[in-house]
C-alpha atoms as a PDB file:
ATOM      1  CA  UNK A   1     128.670  88.751 125.152  1.00  0.00           C
ATOM      2  CA  UNK A   2     127.075  92.222 125.172  1.00  0.00           C
ATOM      3  CA  UNK A   3     128.979  95.112 126.686  1.00  0.00           C
ATOM      4  CA  UNK A   4     127.313  98.109 128.298  1.00  0.00           C
ATOM      5  CA  UNK A   5     130.024 100.323 126.801  1.00  0.00           C
ATOM      6  CA  UNK A   6     130.076  99.582 123.051  1.00  0.00           C
ATOM      7  CA  UNK A   7     133.320 100.039 121.160  1.00  0.00           C
ATOM      8  CA  UNK A   8     131.529 101.420 118.111  1.00  0.00           C
ATOM      9  CA  UNK A   9     129.306 104.437 118.547  1.00  0.00           C
ATOM     10  CA  UNK A  10     126.924 105.875 115.984  1.00  0.00           C
ATOM     11  CA  UNK A  11     127.752 109.520 115.268  1.00  0.00           C
ATOM     12  CA  UNK A  12     124.680 110.562 113.319  1.00  0.00           C
ATOM     13  CA  UNK A  13     126.840 111.739 110.411  1.00  0.00           C
ATOM     14  CA  UNK A  14     125.155 110.950 107.106  1.00  0.00           C
ATOM     15  CA  UNK A  15     126.978 111.043 103.782  1.00  0.00           C
ATOM     16  CA  UNK A  16     124.562 112.034 101.013  1.00  0.00           C
ATOM     17  CA  UNK A  17     125.325 112.298  97.294  1.00  0.00           C
ATOM     18  CA  UNK A  18     125.326 115.682  95.579  1.00  0.00           C
ATOM     19  CA  UNK A  19     124.287 115.159  91.964  1.00  0.00           C
ATOM     20  CA  UNK A  20     125.479 118.641  91.065  1.00  0.00           C
ATOM     21  CA  UNK A  21     129.040 117.380  91.581  1.00  0.00           C
ATOM     22  CA  UNK A  22     128.680 114.516  89.069  1.00  0.00           C
ATOM     23  CA  UNK A  23     129.265 114.860  85.330  1.00  0.00           C
ATOM     24  CA  UNK A  24     128.700 112.564  82.388  1.00  0.00           C
ATOM     25  CA  UNK A  25     131.717 111.933  80.197  1.00  0.00           C
ATOM     26  CA  UNK A  26     132.748 109.698  77.346  1.00  0.00           C
ATOM     27  CA  UNK A  27     134.061 106.247  78.148  1.00  0.00           C
ATOM     28  CA  UNK A  28     136.729 105.063  75.704  1.00  0.00           C
ATOM     29  CA  UNK A  29     137.476 101.341  75.957  1.00  0.00           C
ATOM     30  CA  UNK A  30     140.816  99.985  74.773  1.00  0.00           C
ATOM     31  CA  UNK A  31     141.723  98.377  72.493  1.00  0.00           C
ATOM     32  CA  UNK A  32     139.584 100.273  70.022  1.00  0.00           C
ATOM     33  CA  UNK A  33     138.207  97.072  68.492  1.00  0.00           C
ATOM     34  CA  UNK A  34     136.103  96.793  71.661  1.00  0.00           C
ATOM     35  CA  UNK A  35     134.211  99.885  70.490  1.00  0.00           C
ATOM     36  CA  UNK A  36     133.079  98.069  67.348  1.00  0.00           C
ATOM     37  CA  UNK A  37     132.216  94.981  69.382  1.00  0.00           C
ATOM     38  CA  UNK A  38     130.013  96.986  71.767  1.00  0.00           C
ATOM     39  CA  UNK A  39     128.287  98.827  68.921  1.00  0.00           C
ATOM     40  CA  UNK A  40     127.604  95.513  67.166  1.00  0.00           C
ATOM     41  CA  UNK A  41     126.145  94.056  70.364  1.00  0.00           C
ATOM     42  CA  UNK A  42     123.729  96.981  70.738  1.00  0.00           C
ATOM     43  CA  UNK A  43     122.951  96.801  67.016  1.00  0.00           C
ATOM     44  CA  UNK A  44     121.703  93.198  67.409  1.00  0.00           C
ATOM     45  CA  UNK A  45     119.166  94.109  70.117  1.00  0.00           C
ATOM     46  CA  UNK A  46     115.549  94.100  68.949  1.00  0.00           C
ATOM     47  CA  UNK A  47     114.109  97.619  68.780  1.00  0.00           C
ATOM     48  CA  UNK A  48     111.630  96.921  71.618  1.00  0.00           C
ATOM     49  CA  UNK A  49     114.538  95.943  73.922  1.00  0.00           C
ATOM     50  CA  UNK A  50     116.410  99.084  72.901  1.00  0.00           C
ATOM     51  CA  UNK A  51     113.375 101.182  73.859  1.00  0.00           C
ATOM     52  CA  UNK A  52     112.887  99.371  77.195  1.00  0.00           C
ATOM     53  CA  UNK A  53     116.559  99.799  78.151  1.00  0.00           C
ATOM     54  CA  UNK A  54     116.650 103.420  77.047  1.00  0.00           C
ATOM     55  CA  UNK A  55     113.449 104.266  78.949  1.00  0.00           C
ATOM     56  CA  UNK A  56     114.896 102.710  82.106  1.00  0.00           C
ATOM     57  CA  UNK A  57     118.165 104.585  81.683  1.00  0.00           C
ATOM     58  CA  UNK A  58     116.438 107.929  81.077  1.00  0.00           C
ATOM     59  CA  UNK A  59     114.112 107.451  84.054  1.00  0.00           C
ATOM     60  CA  UNK A  60     117.071 106.778  86.354  1.00  0.00           C
ATOM     61  CA  UNK A  61     119.512 109.435  85.119  1.00  0.00           C
ATOM     62  CA  UNK A  62     117.572 112.327  83.542  1.00  0.00           C
ATOM     63  CA  UNK A  63     117.263 114.157  86.864  1.00  0.00           C
ATOM     64  CA  UNK A  64     121.003 113.781  87.468  1.00  0.00           C
ATOM     65  CA  UNK A  65     122.129 115.175  84.119  1.00  0.00           C
ATOM     66  CA  UNK A  66     120.756 118.230  82.358  1.00  0.00           C
ATOM     67  CA  UNK A  67     120.144 117.576  78.630  1.00  0.00           C
ATOM     68  CA  UNK A  68     120.970 113.885  79.039  1.00  0.00           C
ATOM     69  CA  UNK A  69     119.662 112.918  75.603  1.00  0.00           C
ATOM     70  CA  UNK A  70     121.785 115.601  73.907  1.00  0.00           C
ATOM     71  CA  UNK A  71     124.881 114.424  75.799  1.00  0.00           C
ATOM     72  CA  UNK A  72     124.266 110.789  74.851  1.00  0.00           C
ATOM     73  CA  UNK A  73     123.761 111.758  71.216  1.00  0.00           C
ATOM     74  CA  UNK A  74     126.990 113.819  71.267  1.00  0.00           C
ATOM     75  CA  UNK A  75     128.857 110.816  72.659  1.00  0.00           C
ATOM     76  CA  UNK A  76     127.329 108.559  69.992  1.00  0.00           C
ATOM     77  CA  UNK A  77     128.436 110.975  67.277  1.00  0.00           C
ATOM     78  CA  UNK A  78     131.975 111.016  68.679  1.00  0.00           C
ATOM     79  CA  UNK A  79     132.297 107.233  68.298  1.00  0.00           C
ATOM     80  CA  UNK A  80     130.249 106.949  65.099  1.00  0.00           C
ATOM     81  CA  UNK A  81     133.423 106.648  62.987  1.00  0.00           C
ATOM     82  CA  UNK A  82     133.672 103.086  64.351  1.00  0.00           C
ATOM     83  CA  UNK A  83     130.246 102.234  62.939  1.00  0.00           C
ATOM     84  CA  UNK A  84     130.592 101.519  59.229  1.00  0.00           C
ATOM     85  CA  UNK A  85     127.227 100.790  57.600  1.00  0.00           C
ATOM     86  CA  UNK A  86     124.609 102.377  55.415  1.00  0.00           C
ATOM     87  CA  UNK A  87     121.852 101.226  57.788  1.00  0.00           C
ATOM     88  CA  UNK A  88     120.189 104.197  59.503  1.00  0.00           C
ATOM     89  CA  UNK A  89     119.909 103.745  63.262  1.00  0.00           C
ATOM     90  CA  UNK A  90     116.856 104.842  65.229  1.00  0.00           C
ATOM     91  CA  UNK A  91     117.316 107.758  67.603  1.00  0.00           C
ATOM     92  CA  UNK A  92     116.662 105.348  70.507  1.00  0.00           C
ATOM     93  CA  UNK A  93     119.478 103.055  69.367  1.00  0.00           C
ATOM     94  CA  UNK A  94     121.865 106.000  68.923  1.00  0.00           C
ATOM     95  CA  UNK A  95     121.057 107.190  72.455  1.00  0.00           C
ATOM     96  CA  UNK A  96     121.555 103.708  73.898  1.00  0.00           C
ATOM     97  CA  UNK A  97     124.898 103.331  72.113  1.00  0.00           C
ATOM     98  CA  UNK A  98     125.859 106.742  73.507  1.00  0.00           C
ATOM     99  CA  UNK A  99     124.972 105.460  76.979  1.00  0.00           C
ATOM    100  CA  UNK A 100     127.203 102.417  76.524  1.00  0.00           C
ATOM    101  CA  UNK A 101     130.109 104.800  75.952  1.00  0.00           C
ATOM    102  CA  UNK A 102     129.313 107.084  78.895  1.00  0.00           C
ATOM    103  CA  UNK A 103     130.329 107.076  82.501  1.00  0.00           C
ATOM    104  CA  UNK A 104     129.678 109.294  85.461  1.00  0.00           C
ATOM    105  CA  UNK A 105     132.551 111.061  87.135  1.00  0.00           C
ATOM    106  CA  UNK A 106     132.234 112.460  90.647  1.00  0.00           C
ATOM    107  CA  UNK A 107     134.517 115.348  91.518  1.00  0.00           C
ATOM    108  CA  UNK A 108     134.082 114.496  95.162  1.00  0.00           C
ATOM    109  CA  UNK A 109     133.421 111.083  96.585  1.00  0.00           C
ATOM    110  CA  UNK A 110     133.644 109.225  99.832  1.00  0.00           C
ATOM    111  CA  UNK A 111     133.654 105.507 100.374  1.00  0.00           C
ATOM    112  CA  UNK A 112     134.947 102.753 102.594  1.00  0.00           C
ATOM    113  CA  UNK A 113     135.513  99.439 100.858  1.00  0.00           C
ATOM    114  CA  UNK A 114     137.713  96.335 100.578  1.00  0.00           C
ATOM    115  CA  UNK A 115     137.420  95.407 104.261  1.00  0.00           C
ATOM    116  CA  UNK A 116     139.952  92.960 105.598  1.00  0.00           C
ATOM    117  CA  UNK A 117     139.937  91.445 109.064  1.00  0.00           C
ATOM    118  CA  UNK A 118     142.574  89.245 110.704  1.00  0.00           C
ATOM    119  CA  UNK A 119     143.133  88.086 114.278  1.00  0.00           C
ATOM    120  CA  UNK A 120     145.401  90.373 116.291  1.00  0.00           C
ATOM    121  CA  UNK A 121     148.712  88.716 117.232  1.00  0.00           C
ATOM    122  CA  UNK A 122     148.133  89.600 120.921  1.00  0.00           C
ATOM    123  CA  UNK A 123     145.120  87.687 122.255  1.00  0.00           C
ATOM    124  CA  UNK A 124     146.147  87.991 125.907  1.00  0.00           C
ATOM    125  CA  UNK A 125     143.881  89.242 128.731  1.00  0.00           C
ATOM    126  CA  UNK A 126     140.611  88.845 126.808  1.00  0.00           C
ATOM    127  CA  UNK A 127     137.288  87.691 128.256  1.00  0.00           C
ATOM    128  CA  UNK A 128     136.233  84.144 127.332  1.00  0.00           C
ATOM    129  CA  UNK A 129     134.935  83.703 123.766  1.00  0.00           C
ATOM    130  CA  UNK A 130     136.405  87.056 122.705  1.00  0.00           C
ATOM    131  CA  UNK A 131     138.716  87.792 119.837  1.00  0.00           C
ATOM    132  CA  UNK A 132     140.899  90.812 119.317  1.00  0.00           C
ATOM    133  CA  UNK A 133     141.222  91.634 115.631  1.00  0.00           C
ATOM    134  CA  UNK A 134     142.747  94.082 113.198  1.00  0.00           C
ATOM    135  CA  UNK A 135     140.497  95.529 110.550  1.00  0.00           C
ATOM    136  CA  UNK A 136     141.594  97.575 107.584  1.00  0.00           C
ATOM    137  CA  UNK A 137     139.520  99.449 105.034  1.00  0.00           C
ATOM    138  CA  UNK A 138     140.376 101.262 101.862  1.00  0.00           C
ATOM    139  CA  UNK A 139     139.018 104.781 101.998  1.00  0.00           C
ATOM    140  CA  UNK A 140     138.572 107.569  99.485  1.00  0.00           C
ATOM    141  CA  UNK A 141     137.089 110.973  99.924  1.00  0.00           C
END
Protein backbone atom coordinates (compact mmCIF):
# COMPACT_ATOMS: atom_id res chain seq x y z
CA UNK A 1 0.00 0.00 0.00
CA UNK A 2 1.48 3.36 -1.05
CA UNK A 3 0.90 6.39 1.14
CA UNK A 4 0.75 9.94 -0.18
CA UNK A 5 2.58 11.09 2.95
CA UNK A 6 5.75 8.97 3.20
CA UNK A 7 7.23 8.30 6.62
CA UNK A 8 10.78 8.59 5.31
CA UNK A 9 11.79 11.77 3.54
CA UNK A 10 15.00 12.36 1.62
CA UNK A 11 16.89 15.34 3.05
CA UNK A 12 19.48 15.88 0.34
CA UNK A 13 22.30 15.60 2.88
CA UNK A 14 25.27 13.79 1.37
CA UNK A 15 28.12 12.40 3.45
CA UNK A 16 31.35 12.51 1.44
CA UNK A 17 34.77 11.24 2.54
CA UNK A 18 37.60 13.68 3.19
CA UNK A 19 40.87 11.93 2.38
CA UNK A 20 42.82 14.64 4.16
CA UNK A 21 41.41 13.29 7.43
CA UNK A 22 42.71 9.74 6.85
CA UNK A 23 46.20 8.56 7.78
CA UNK A 24 48.13 5.38 7.12
CA UNK A 25 49.51 3.63 10.17
CA UNK A 26 51.17 0.38 11.08
CA UNK A 27 48.98 -2.62 11.79
CA UNK A 28 50.43 -4.94 14.43
CA UNK A 29 48.72 -8.34 14.59
CA UNK A 30 48.87 -10.40 17.77
CA UNK A 31 50.25 -12.85 18.60
CA UNK A 32 53.51 -11.83 16.98
CA UNK A 33 53.91 -15.20 15.27
CA UNK A 34 51.17 -14.01 12.90
CA UNK A 35 53.65 -11.42 11.60
CA UNK A 36 56.01 -14.16 10.46
CA UNK A 37 53.12 -16.12 8.98
CA UNK A 38 51.96 -13.12 6.92
CA UNK A 39 55.48 -12.34 5.73
CA UNK A 40 55.96 -15.98 4.69
CA UNK A 41 52.68 -15.93 2.78
CA UNK A 42 53.74 -12.84 0.81
CA UNK A 43 57.20 -14.35 0.32
CA UNK A 44 55.67 -17.36 -1.49
CA UNK A 45 53.85 -15.21 -4.07
CA UNK A 46 55.40 -15.27 -7.54
CA UNK A 47 57.05 -11.96 -8.41
CA UNK A 48 54.51 -11.23 -11.19
CA UNK A 49 51.64 -11.56 -8.66
CA UNK A 50 53.50 -9.28 -6.26
CA UNK A 51 53.80 -6.66 -9.01
CA UNK A 52 50.12 -6.98 -10.04
CA UNK A 53 48.91 -6.62 -6.43
CA UNK A 54 51.26 -3.74 -5.70
CA UNK A 55 50.25 -1.88 -8.88
CA UNK A 56 46.57 -2.25 -7.95
CA UNK A 57 47.22 -1.05 -4.41
CA UNK A 58 49.25 1.97 -5.56
CA UNK A 59 46.64 2.93 -8.16
CA UNK A 60 43.88 2.87 -5.54
CA UNK A 61 45.68 4.57 -2.63
CA UNK A 62 48.46 6.82 -3.97
CA UNK A 63 46.12 9.81 -4.27
CA UNK A 64 44.93 9.29 -0.69
CA UNK A 65 48.37 9.16 0.90
CA UNK A 66 51.31 11.43 0.15
CA UNK A 67 54.57 9.47 -0.25
CA UNK A 68 52.72 6.15 -0.02
CA UNK A 69 55.70 4.08 -1.18
CA UNK A 70 57.97 5.66 1.46
CA UNK A 71 55.38 4.97 4.17
CA UNK A 72 54.99 1.34 3.09
CA UNK A 73 58.76 0.89 3.04
CA UNK A 74 59.04 2.44 6.53
CA UNK A 75 56.41 0.02 7.80
CA UNK A 76 58.23 -2.90 6.17
CA UNK A 77 61.47 -1.86 7.85
CA UNK A 78 59.73 -1.66 11.22
CA UNK A 79 58.63 -5.31 11.00
CA UNK A 80 61.74 -6.58 9.20
CA UNK A 81 63.15 -8.02 12.45
CA UNK A 82 60.55 -10.78 12.05
CA UNK A 83 61.98 -11.73 8.66
CA UNK A 84 65.09 -13.85 9.19
CA UNK A 85 66.76 -14.78 5.90
CA UNK A 86 69.70 -13.88 3.74
CA UNK A 87 67.46 -13.72 0.66
CA UNK A 88 67.21 -10.16 -0.67
CA UNK A 89 63.62 -9.10 -1.32
CA UNK A 90 62.62 -7.00 -4.32
CA UNK A 91 61.46 -3.46 -3.62
CA UNK A 92 57.98 -4.49 -4.87
CA UNK A 93 57.81 -7.33 -2.35
CA UNK A 94 58.99 -5.07 0.49
CA UNK A 95 56.29 -2.53 -0.42
CA UNK A 96 53.61 -5.22 -0.57
CA UNK A 97 54.67 -6.62 2.81
CA UNK A 98 54.52 -3.06 4.16
CA UNK A 99 50.97 -2.80 2.81
CA UNK A 100 49.96 -6.01 4.58
CA UNK A 101 50.99 -4.36 7.85
CA UNK A 102 49.23 -1.05 7.18
CA UNK A 103 45.78 0.22 7.88
CA UNK A 104 43.96 3.46 7.33
CA UNK A 105 42.69 5.41 10.30
CA UNK A 106 40.02 8.08 9.91
CA UNK A 107 39.99 10.81 12.53
CA UNK A 108 36.38 11.48 11.67
CA UNK A 109 33.90 8.97 10.39
CA UNK A 110 30.19 8.49 10.06
CA UNK A 111 28.32 5.29 9.47
CA UNK A 112 25.09 3.48 10.14
CA UNK A 113 25.38 -0.29 10.34
CA UNK A 114 24.20 -3.48 12.06
CA UNK A 115 20.51 -2.89 11.33
CA UNK A 116 18.04 -4.89 13.34
CA UNK A 117 14.29 -4.95 12.82
CA UNK A 118 11.62 -6.62 14.95
CA UNK A 119 7.83 -6.37 15.03
CA UNK A 120 6.52 -3.75 17.45
CA UNK A 121 4.61 -5.26 20.38
CA UNK A 122 1.62 -2.97 19.65
CA UNK A 123 0.09 -3.88 16.28
CA UNK A 124 -3.30 -2.31 17.04
CA UNK A 125 -5.13 0.17 14.77
CA UNK A 126 -3.08 -0.58 11.64
CA UNK A 127 -4.39 -0.72 8.08
CA UNK A 128 -4.71 -4.21 6.58
CA UNK A 129 -1.43 -5.84 5.52
CA UNK A 130 0.60 -3.34 7.56
CA UNK A 131 3.20 -4.02 10.18
CA UNK A 132 4.50 -1.69 12.83
CA UNK A 133 8.15 -2.39 13.58
CA UNK A 134 11.09 -1.25 15.65
CA UNK A 135 14.36 -0.69 13.87
CA UNK A 136 17.70 -0.08 15.50
CA UNK A 137 21.01 0.89 13.95
CA UNK A 138 24.49 1.24 15.32
CA UNK A 139 25.84 4.66 14.51
CA UNK A 140 29.25 6.30 14.69
CA UNK A 141 30.30 9.75 13.71
